[in-house]
Amino acid sequence: MMKVMIIIMLAVMITIIIMIMCTVISKSSIYDREKMSPFECGFNPMNSARMPFSVQFFLIAVLFLIFDIEIAIILPIIITMKWTMTSMWIMIIMSFVIILTMGLYYEWKNGMLEWY
């Protein structure tokens, strides 16, 4: 019981020391305006907020999210291959990839991926 109390006290002391060190170190950089300003898509945040925004940034971000979610969906399906029928598994994966490929082709044909 005594060892547990010592470990808990040690953990609390280390936590307090780290918090004090962080506040002391951060005091020197509080007044730096560049570091305290938010960073928004490569634009200078000190200018007007009504500057025109390129839709291409948004479209590329959406494409990235779609294909990122694709990987997150396909990886668990690969793990379940042992317990499912192979023909059904192949049909599901192929239909998923075909739908994504058709969407990418549609965006490409409509010129959404071109930078003017």
Protein backbone atom coordinates (compact mmCIF):
# COMPACT_ATOMS: atom_id res chain seq x y z
CA MET A 1 0.00 0.00 0.00
CA MET A 2 2.86 2.32 0.81
CA LYS A 3 4.47 1.74 -2.62
CA VAL A 4 1.25 2.68 -4.38
CA MET A 5 1.03 5.93 -2.42
CA ILE A 6 4.65 6.77 -3.24
CA ILE A 7 4.08 6.09 -6.94
CA ILE A 8 0.94 8.25 -6.98
CA MET A 9 2.73 11.10 -5.18
CA LEU A 10 5.66 10.82 -7.58
CA ALA A 11 3.33 10.93 -10.58
CA VAL A 12 1.54 14.00 -9.21
CA MET A 13 4.82 15.76 -8.50
CA ILE A 14 6.16 15.05 -12.00
CA THR A 15 2.91 16.32 -13.51
CA ILE A 16 3.02 19.54 -11.51
CA ILE A 17 6.69 20.12 -12.37
CA ILE A 18 5.99 19.65 -16.10
CA MET A 19 2.98 22.02 -15.94
CA ILE A 20 5.07 24.69 -14.20
CA MET A 21 7.86 24.30 -16.74
CA CYS A 22 5.38 24.68 -19.61
CA THR A 23 3.91 27.88 -18.21
CA VAL A 24 7.37 29.37 -17.60
CA ILE A 25 8.58 28.50 -21.09
CA SER A 26 5.40 29.72 -22.80
CA LYS A 27 5.54 33.17 -21.17
CA SER A 28 8.26 34.27 -23.57
CA SER A 29 6.25 33.52 -26.72
CA ILE A 30 2.82 34.87 -25.68
CA TYR A 31 3.48 38.30 -27.14
CA ASP A 32 4.58 37.11 -30.59
CA ARG A 33 1.72 38.08 -32.93
CA GLU A 34 2.73 35.74 -35.75
CA LYS A 35 2.77 32.69 -33.50
CA MET A 36 -0.55 33.54 -31.85
CA SER A 37 -2.44 34.02 -35.11
CA PRO A 38 -4.29 31.09 -36.69
CA PHE A 39 -2.85 29.56 -39.84
CA GLU A 40 -5.49 29.21 -42.55
CA CYS A 41 -4.67 27.41 -45.81
CA GLY A 42 -1.51 29.34 -46.58
CA PHE A 43 -3.21 32.73 -46.52
CA ASN A 44 -1.88 35.58 -44.42
CA PRO A 45 -4.32 35.87 -41.49
CA MET A 46 -3.41 39.54 -40.94
CA ASN A 47 -5.23 40.56 -44.14
CA SER A 48 -8.96 40.89 -44.72
CA ALA A 49 -11.05 37.77 -44.17
CA ARG A 50 -13.08 38.49 -47.32
CA MET A 51 -10.38 37.47 -49.79
CA PRO A 52 -11.54 35.10 -52.55
CA PHE A 53 -10.92 31.44 -51.71
CA SER A 54 -9.97 28.94 -54.38
CA VAL A 55 -12.45 26.09 -54.63
CA GLN A 56 -9.62 23.82 -55.83
CA PHE A 57 -8.27 23.63 -52.26
CA PHE A 58 -11.65 22.43 -51.11
CA LEU A 59 -12.03 19.85 -53.90
CA ILE A 60 -8.59 18.36 -53.30
CA ALA A 61 -9.34 18.14 -49.57
CA VAL A 62 -12.61 16.34 -50.27
CA LEU A 63 -10.83 13.91 -52.62
CA PHE A 64 -8.23 13.23 -49.96
CA LEU A 65 -10.95 12.53 -47.38
CA ILE A 66 -12.82 10.22 -49.74
CA PHE A 67 -9.77 8.10 -50.49
CA ASP A 68 -8.66 8.21 -46.88
CA ILE A 69 -12.04 6.83 -45.81
CA GLU A 70 -11.76 4.24 -48.58
CA ILE A 71 -8.62 2.86 -46.95
CA ALA A 72 -10.28 2.89 -43.54
CA ILE A 73 -13.18 0.85 -44.95
CA ILE A 74 -11.15 -1.59 -47.06
CA LEU A 75 -8.63 -2.57 -44.36
CA PRO A 76 -11.18 -4.16 -41.99
CA ILE A 77 -12.78 -5.91 -44.95
CA ILE A 78 -9.42 -7.54 -45.72
CA ILE A 79 -9.25 -8.88 -42.17
CA THR A 80 -12.73 -10.45 -42.51
CA MET A 81 -11.71 -12.35 -45.65
CA LYS A 82 -11.07 -15.49 -43.58
CA TRP A 83 -14.65 -15.72 -42.36
CA THR A 84 -16.60 -14.77 -45.51
CA MET A 85 -17.17 -16.39 -48.86
CA THR A 86 -14.48 -15.41 -51.34
CA SER A 87 -16.85 -14.67 -54.20
CA MET A 88 -19.01 -12.38 -52.05
CA TRP A 89 -15.92 -10.66 -50.64
CA ILE A 90 -14.52 -10.01 -54.14
CA MET A 91 -17.87 -8.62 -55.34
CA ILE A 92 -18.09 -6.20 -52.41
CA ILE A 93 -14.51 -4.95 -52.81
CA MET A 94 -14.80 -4.63 -56.59
CA SER A 95 -18.10 -2.73 -56.41
CA PHE A 96 -16.61 -0.37 -53.82
CA VAL A 97 -13.50 0.30 -55.91
CA ILE A 98 -15.54 0.68 -59.13
CA ILE A 99 -17.82 3.28 -57.50
CA LEU A 100 -14.78 5.24 -56.30
CA THR A 101 -13.10 5.00 -59.70
CA MET A 102 -16.26 6.21 -61.43
CA GLY A 103 -16.43 9.18 -59.07
CA LEU A 104 -12.79 10.04 -59.73
CA TYR A 105 -13.36 9.74 -63.49
CA TYR A 106 -16.43 12.01 -63.23
CA GLU A 107 -14.44 14.67 -61.39
CA TRP A 108 -11.60 14.39 -63.87
CA LYS A 109 -13.89 14.72 -66.91
CA ASN A 110 -15.64 17.78 -65.44
CA GLY A 111 -12.28 19.50 -64.97
CA MET A 112 -12.43 19.59 -61.20
CA LEU A 113 -8.86 18.38 -60.86
CA GLU A 114 -7.30 20.93 -63.22
CA TRP A 115 -5.48 23.99 -61.88
CA TYR A 116 -6.11 27.08 -63.96
